N, C-alpha and C. Protein backbone atom coordinates (compact mmCIF):
# COMPACT_ATOMS: atom_id res chain seq x y z
N UNK A 1 166.63 102.25 183.35
CA UNK A 1 166.94 101.27 182.34
C UNK A 1 167.04 101.98 180.99
N UNK A 2 168.06 101.61 180.21
CA UNK A 2 168.25 102.20 178.88
C UNK A 2 167.36 101.52 177.86
N UNK A 3 166.90 102.31 176.88
CA UNK A 3 166.08 101.75 175.80
C UNK A 3 166.76 102.07 174.48
N UNK A 4 166.81 101.07 173.60
CA UNK A 4 167.44 101.22 172.31
C UNK A 4 166.52 100.71 171.21
N UNK A 5 166.57 101.36 170.06
CA UNK A 5 165.92 100.81 168.86
C UNK A 5 166.97 99.92 168.23
N UNK A 6 166.64 98.66 168.10
CA UNK A 6 167.60 97.65 167.67
C UNK A 6 167.58 97.45 166.17
N UNK A 7 168.75 97.53 165.55
CA UNK A 7 168.89 97.26 164.14
C UNK A 7 169.25 95.79 163.96
N UNK A 8 168.79 95.19 162.86
CA UNK A 8 169.04 93.78 162.60
C UNK A 8 170.53 93.46 162.52
N UNK A 9 171.31 94.38 162.01
CA UNK A 9 172.75 94.12 161.88
C UNK A 9 173.42 93.93 163.25
N UNK A 10 172.90 94.57 164.26
CA UNK A 10 173.44 94.39 165.62
C UNK A 10 172.98 93.06 166.20
N UNK A 11 171.72 92.72 166.03
CA UNK A 11 171.20 91.46 166.56
C UNK A 11 171.90 90.26 165.92
N UNK A 12 172.22 90.34 164.64
CA UNK A 12 172.93 89.26 163.96
C UNK A 12 174.28 89.02 164.62
N UNK A 13 174.93 90.07 165.03
CA UNK A 13 176.25 89.96 165.65
C UNK A 13 176.20 89.21 166.99
N UNK A 14 175.05 89.09 167.59
CA UNK A 14 174.92 88.32 168.82
C UNK A 14 175.06 86.83 168.56
N UNK A 15 174.73 86.39 167.35
CA UNK A 15 174.71 84.96 167.03
C UNK A 15 175.77 84.54 166.03
N UNK A 16 176.26 85.47 165.23
CA UNK A 16 177.23 85.17 164.18
C UNK A 16 178.50 85.97 164.47
N UNK A 17 179.63 85.29 164.58
CA UNK A 17 180.87 86.04 164.83
C UNK A 17 181.23 86.93 163.63
N UNK A 18 181.24 88.20 163.85
CA UNK A 18 181.57 89.19 162.84
C UNK A 18 182.42 90.27 163.50
N UNK A 19 182.88 91.21 162.69
CA UNK A 19 183.60 92.36 163.24
C UNK A 19 182.66 93.11 164.19
N UNK A 20 183.16 93.44 165.34
CA UNK A 20 182.44 94.20 166.38
C UNK A 20 181.34 93.38 167.08
N UNK A 21 181.37 92.06 166.96
CA UNK A 21 180.39 91.24 167.69
C UNK A 21 180.54 91.43 169.20
N UNK A 22 181.77 91.58 169.66
CA UNK A 22 181.99 91.77 171.09
C UNK A 22 181.36 93.07 171.59
N UNK A 23 181.40 94.10 170.78
CA UNK A 23 180.79 95.38 171.15
C UNK A 23 179.26 95.23 171.19
N UNK A 24 178.71 94.52 170.22
CA UNK A 24 177.26 94.32 170.17
C UNK A 24 176.77 93.53 171.39
N UNK A 25 177.57 92.56 171.83
CA UNK A 25 177.17 91.75 172.99
C UNK A 25 177.14 92.54 174.29
N UNK A 26 177.86 93.64 174.33
CA UNK A 26 177.85 94.47 175.55
C UNK A 26 176.46 95.03 175.83
N UNK A 27 175.67 95.21 174.79
CA UNK A 27 174.30 95.68 175.01
C UNK A 27 173.49 94.68 175.81
N UNK A 28 173.80 93.39 175.67
CA UNK A 28 173.07 92.36 176.41
C UNK A 28 173.44 92.36 177.89
N UNK A 29 174.66 92.72 178.19
CA UNK A 29 175.13 92.71 179.58
C UNK A 29 174.46 93.81 180.39
N UNK A 30 174.16 94.93 179.77
CA UNK A 30 173.60 96.08 180.47
C UNK A 30 172.12 95.97 180.78
N UNK A 31 171.50 94.87 180.41
CA UNK A 31 170.07 94.64 180.66
C UNK A 31 169.23 95.80 180.12
N UNK A 32 169.51 96.17 178.91
CA UNK A 32 168.77 97.25 178.26
C UNK A 32 167.44 96.72 177.74
N UNK A 33 166.55 97.63 177.46
CA UNK A 33 165.26 97.32 176.85
C UNK A 33 165.38 97.65 175.36
N UNK A 34 164.90 96.74 174.50
CA UNK A 34 165.03 96.93 173.06
C UNK A 34 163.68 97.11 172.39
N UNK A 35 163.63 98.03 171.47
CA UNK A 35 162.47 98.23 170.61
C UNK A 35 162.92 97.88 169.20
N UNK A 36 162.05 97.22 168.43
CA UNK A 36 162.42 96.86 167.06
C UNK A 36 161.36 97.36 166.09
N UNK A 37 161.78 97.78 164.89
CA UNK A 37 160.81 98.20 163.88
C UNK A 37 160.05 96.98 163.33
N UNK A 38 158.94 97.23 162.68
CA UNK A 38 158.11 96.15 162.15
C UNK A 38 158.85 95.22 161.20
N UNK A 39 159.78 95.73 160.44
CA UNK A 39 160.49 94.93 159.44
C UNK A 39 161.73 94.23 160.00
N UNK A 40 161.95 94.29 161.30
CA UNK A 40 163.13 93.72 161.93
C UNK A 40 163.28 92.23 161.62
N UNK A 41 162.23 91.46 161.81
CA UNK A 41 162.34 90.00 161.63
C UNK A 41 162.53 89.62 160.17
N UNK A 42 161.96 90.40 159.26
CA UNK A 42 162.19 90.17 157.84
C UNK A 42 163.66 90.43 157.50
N UNK A 43 164.24 91.45 158.09
CA UNK A 43 165.66 91.75 157.86
C UNK A 43 166.55 90.63 158.41
N UNK A 44 166.22 90.11 159.56
CA UNK A 44 166.99 89.01 160.14
C UNK A 44 166.95 87.80 159.20
N UNK A 45 165.77 87.46 158.72
CA UNK A 45 165.64 86.35 157.78
C UNK A 45 166.44 86.58 156.52
N UNK A 46 166.44 87.80 156.03
CA UNK A 46 167.17 88.13 154.82
C UNK A 46 168.68 87.98 155.02
N UNK A 47 169.17 88.38 156.17
CA UNK A 47 170.61 88.25 156.45
C UNK A 47 171.01 86.78 156.45
N UNK A 48 170.24 85.93 157.14
CA UNK A 48 170.57 84.51 157.17
C UNK A 48 170.45 83.87 155.78
N UNK A 49 169.45 84.26 155.02
CA UNK A 49 169.28 83.75 153.67
C UNK A 49 170.50 84.08 152.81
N UNK A 50 170.97 85.32 152.90
CA UNK A 50 172.14 85.73 152.13
C UNK A 50 173.39 84.97 152.57
N UNK A 51 173.54 84.74 153.86
CA UNK A 51 174.70 84.00 154.35
C UNK A 51 174.70 82.57 153.83
N UNK A 52 173.55 81.95 153.74
CA UNK A 52 173.46 80.59 153.21
C UNK A 52 173.76 80.60 151.71
N UNK A 53 173.23 81.56 150.99
CA UNK A 53 173.48 81.65 149.54
C UNK A 53 174.95 81.88 149.23
N UNK A 54 175.65 82.61 150.08
CA UNK A 54 177.08 82.87 149.87
C UNK A 54 177.96 81.73 150.36
N UNK A 55 177.34 80.73 151.01
CA UNK A 55 178.10 79.59 151.53
C UNK A 55 178.77 79.85 152.86
N UNK A 56 178.41 80.93 153.53
CA UNK A 56 179.00 81.25 154.82
C UNK A 56 178.37 80.43 155.94
N UNK A 57 177.15 79.99 155.76
CA UNK A 57 176.42 79.16 156.72
C UNK A 57 175.66 78.09 155.95
N UNK A 58 175.11 77.13 156.68
CA UNK A 58 174.24 76.13 156.07
C UNK A 58 172.81 76.39 156.51
N UNK A 59 171.87 75.83 155.80
CA UNK A 59 170.46 76.03 156.14
C UNK A 59 170.12 75.42 157.50
N UNK A 60 170.86 74.42 157.93
CA UNK A 60 170.60 73.81 159.23
C UNK A 60 170.95 74.77 160.34
């Protein structure tokens, strides 16, 4: 089984259509194991917060 250190920018692409989202989703198909740094969830929250502030998404 492959193991990857997961960056927040890749995980966001699993849920938000962006450039290269299809490539990021391929990691899910391979049943890989993911490791995340301690600040991963804070980065995810920051990305969504910025998207709402820019009007790209809503808070809901």
